[in-house]
């Protein structure tokens, strides 16, 4: 995954596989540093096989507790649209995935 996180932000990058939370990456506000990544690996909570819908959504840590809570931490919006990648259909088996 590739992304840039602006300075002075506390965000979650949440990856869903078939609508289920599969990975959560948290970036805490550390001041003026801008973070850019290209080819950042996602650590999925389990293995998958077959073709699945994969989507990553950016959430703001609205309650400031550093833990992703879908009910409290809302998705980031730009011009009214959710900041996200996907959904894309990926064949996990083609990449050696097993369940």
C-alpha atoms as a PDB file:
ATOM      1  CA  UNK A   1       0.000   0.000   0.000  1.00  0.00           C
ATOM      2  CA  UNK A   2       1.151   3.561  -0.655  1.00  0.00           C
ATOM      3  CA  UNK A   3       0.101   6.575   1.380  1.00  0.00           C
ATOM      4  CA  UNK A   4       1.047   9.981   2.762  1.00  0.00           C
ATOM      5  CA  UNK A   5      -0.104  11.074   6.211  1.00  0.00           C
ATOM      6  CA  UNK A   6       0.073  14.812   6.860  1.00  0.00           C
ATOM      7  CA  UNK A   7       1.658  16.244   9.983  1.00  0.00           C
ATOM      8  CA  UNK A   8      -0.390  16.812  13.123  1.00  0.00           C
ATOM      9  CA  UNK A   9      -2.831  13.933  12.485  1.00  0.00           C
ATOM     10  CA  UNK A  10      -3.808  10.799  14.383  1.00  0.00           C
ATOM     11  CA  UNK A  11      -5.174   8.323  11.866  1.00  0.00           C
ATOM     12  CA  UNK A  12      -6.021   4.689  11.339  1.00  0.00           C
ATOM     13  CA  UNK A  13      -5.601   2.848   8.057  1.00  0.00           C
ATOM     14  CA  UNK A  14      -8.139   0.052   8.321  1.00  0.00           C
ATOM     15  CA  UNK A  15      -8.136  -2.752   5.766  1.00  0.00           C
ATOM     16  CA  UNK A  16     -11.274  -4.803   5.211  1.00  0.00           C
ATOM     17  CA  UNK A  17     -11.462  -8.174   3.492  1.00  0.00           C
ATOM     18  CA  UNK A  18     -15.039  -8.973   2.464  1.00  0.00           C
ATOM     19  CA  UNK A  19     -16.264  -6.310   4.916  1.00  0.00           C
ATOM     20  CA  UNK A  20     -14.393  -7.756   7.921  1.00  0.00           C
ATOM     21  CA  UNK A  21     -11.605  -5.765   9.633  1.00  0.00           C
ATOM     22  CA  UNK A  22      -8.445  -7.574   8.560  1.00  0.00           C
ATOM     23  CA  UNK A  23      -5.740  -5.064   9.518  1.00  0.00           C
ATOM     24  CA  UNK A  24      -5.449  -1.830  11.496  1.00  0.00           C
ATOM     25  CA  UNK A  25      -2.454   0.510  11.272  1.00  0.00           C
ATOM     26  CA  UNK A  26      -2.360   3.489  13.668  1.00  0.00           C
ATOM     27  CA  UNK A  27      -0.320   6.612  13.141  1.00  0.00           C
ATOM     28  CA  UNK A  28      -0.242   8.947  16.130  1.00  0.00           C
ATOM     29  CA  UNK A  29       0.186  12.683  15.851  1.00  0.00           C
ATOM     30  CA  UNK A  30       3.903  13.269  16.240  1.00  0.00           C
ATOM     31  CA  UNK A  31       4.016  16.905  15.239  1.00  0.00           C
ATOM     32  CA  UNK A  32       5.468  18.320  12.056  1.00  0.00           C
ATOM     33  CA  UNK A  33       6.641  15.052  10.472  1.00  0.00           C
ATOM     34  CA  UNK A  34       4.924  14.004   7.235  1.00  0.00           C
ATOM     35  CA  UNK A  35       4.901  10.232   6.691  1.00  0.00           C
ATOM     36  CA  UNK A  36       5.048   8.782   3.175  1.00  0.00           C
ATOM     37  CA  UNK A  37       5.180   5.079   2.368  1.00  0.00           C
ATOM     38  CA  UNK A  38       5.266   3.219  -0.927  1.00  0.00           C
ATOM     39  CA  UNK A  39       4.778  -0.530  -0.863  1.00  0.00           C
ATOM     40  CA  UNK A  40       3.908  -0.624   2.847  1.00  0.00           C
ATOM     41  CA  UNK A  41       3.036  -4.231   3.780  1.00  0.00           C
ATOM     42  CA  UNK A  42      -0.282  -5.014   5.416  1.00  0.00           C
ATOM     43  CA  UNK A  43      -0.230  -7.472   8.305  1.00  0.00           C
ATOM     44  CA  UNK A  44      -3.547  -9.268   7.979  1.00  0.00           C
ATOM     45  CA  UNK A  45      -4.954 -10.891  11.099  1.00  0.00           C
ATOM     46  CA  UNK A  46      -5.358 -14.210   9.313  1.00  0.00           C
ATOM     47  CA  UNK A  47      -4.706 -15.935   5.982  1.00  0.00           C
ATOM     48  CA  UNK A  48      -7.163 -15.798   3.099  1.00  0.00           C
ATOM     49  CA  UNK A  49      -7.673 -17.844  -0.045  1.00  0.00           C
ATOM     50  CA  UNK A  50      -9.787 -17.341  -3.118  1.00  0.00           C
ATOM     51  CA  UNK A  51     -10.942 -14.051  -4.580  1.00  0.00           C
ATOM     52  CA  UNK A  52     -11.949 -11.474  -1.982  1.00  0.00           C
ATOM     53  CA  UNK A  53     -12.961  -7.799  -1.904  1.00  0.00           C
ATOM     54  CA  UNK A  54     -10.207  -5.719  -0.260  1.00  0.00           C
ATOM     55  CA  UNK A  55     -10.626  -2.101   0.793  1.00  0.00           C
ATOM     56  CA  UNK A  56      -8.589   0.273   2.971  1.00  0.00           C
ATOM     57  CA  UNK A  57     -10.315   3.225   4.650  1.00  0.00           C
ATOM     58  CA  UNK A  58      -8.672   6.124   6.514  1.00  0.00           C
ATOM     59  CA  UNK A  59     -10.245   6.966   9.884  1.00  0.00           C
ATOM     60  CA  UNK A  60      -9.565   9.827  12.291  1.00  0.00           C
ATOM     61  CA  UNK A  61      -8.890   8.921  15.934  1.00  0.00           C
ATOM     62  CA  UNK A  62     -11.775  11.115  17.059  1.00  0.00           C
ATOM     63  CA  UNK A  63     -11.855   9.936  20.659  1.00  0.00           C
ATOM     64  CA  UNK A  64      -8.042  10.179  20.948  1.00  0.00           C
ATOM     65  CA  UNK A  65      -7.563   6.805  22.651  1.00  0.00           C
ATOM     66  CA  UNK A  66      -5.232   5.256  20.033  1.00  0.00           C
ATOM     67  CA  UNK A  67      -7.547   2.277  19.515  1.00  0.00           C
ATOM     68  CA  UNK A  68      -9.742   1.819  16.454  1.00  0.00           C
ATOM     69  CA  UNK A  69     -13.442   1.943  17.318  1.00  0.00           C
ATOM     70  CA  UNK A  70     -15.611   1.956  14.207  1.00  0.00           C
ATOM     71  CA  UNK A  71     -18.499   3.555  16.123  1.00  0.00           C
ATOM     72  CA  UNK A  72     -16.408   6.436  17.527  1.00  0.00           C
ATOM     73  CA  UNK A  73     -13.690   6.979  14.904  1.00  0.00           C
ATOM     74  CA  UNK A  74     -15.287   8.255  11.735  1.00  0.00           C
ATOM     75  CA  UNK A  75     -13.860   7.918   8.235  1.00  0.00           C
ATOM     76  CA  UNK A  76     -11.904  10.881   6.873  1.00  0.00           C
ATOM     77  CA  UNK A  77     -13.701  12.844   4.167  1.00  0.00           C
ATOM     78  CA  UNK A  78     -12.476  15.018   1.306  1.00  0.00           C
ATOM     79  CA  UNK A  79     -15.183  17.010  -0.454  1.00  0.00           C
ATOM     80  CA  UNK A  80     -17.777  14.696   1.117  1.00  0.00           C
ATOM     81  CA  UNK A  81     -16.139  11.486  -0.133  1.00  0.00           C
ATOM     82  CA  UNK A  82     -14.542   8.849   2.117  1.00  0.00           C
ATOM     83  CA  UNK A  83     -10.740   8.637   1.816  1.00  0.00           C
ATOM     84  CA  UNK A  84     -10.146   5.050   0.757  1.00  0.00           C
ATOM     85  CA  UNK A  85      -8.451   2.640  -1.618  1.00  0.00           C
ATOM     86  CA  UNK A  86     -10.649   0.074  -3.299  1.00  0.00           C
ATOM     87  CA  UNK A  87     -12.601  -1.979  -3.049  1.00  0.00           C
ATOM     88  CA  UNK A  88     -10.548  -4.197  -5.332  1.00  0.00           C
ATOM     89  CA  UNK A  89     -10.972  -7.920  -5.921  1.00  0.00           C
ATOM     90  CA  UNK A  90      -7.788  -9.862  -5.116  1.00  0.00           C
ATOM     91  CA  UNK A  91      -7.127 -13.555  -5.622  1.00  0.00           C
ATOM     92  CA  UNK A  92      -5.238 -14.521  -2.465  1.00  0.00           C
ATOM     93  CA  UNK A  93      -4.673 -18.076  -3.734  1.00  0.00           C
ATOM     94  CA  UNK A  94      -2.654 -16.703  -6.670  1.00  0.00           C
ATOM     95  CA  UNK A  95      -0.263 -15.183  -4.089  1.00  0.00           C
ATOM     96  CA  UNK A  96       0.019 -18.378  -2.033  1.00  0.00           C
ATOM     97  CA  UNK A  97      -2.808 -17.582   0.387  1.00  0.00           C
ATOM     98  CA  UNK A  98      -4.431 -20.398   2.368  1.00  0.00           C
ATOM     99  CA  UNK A  99      -7.050 -20.390   5.086  1.00  0.00           C
END
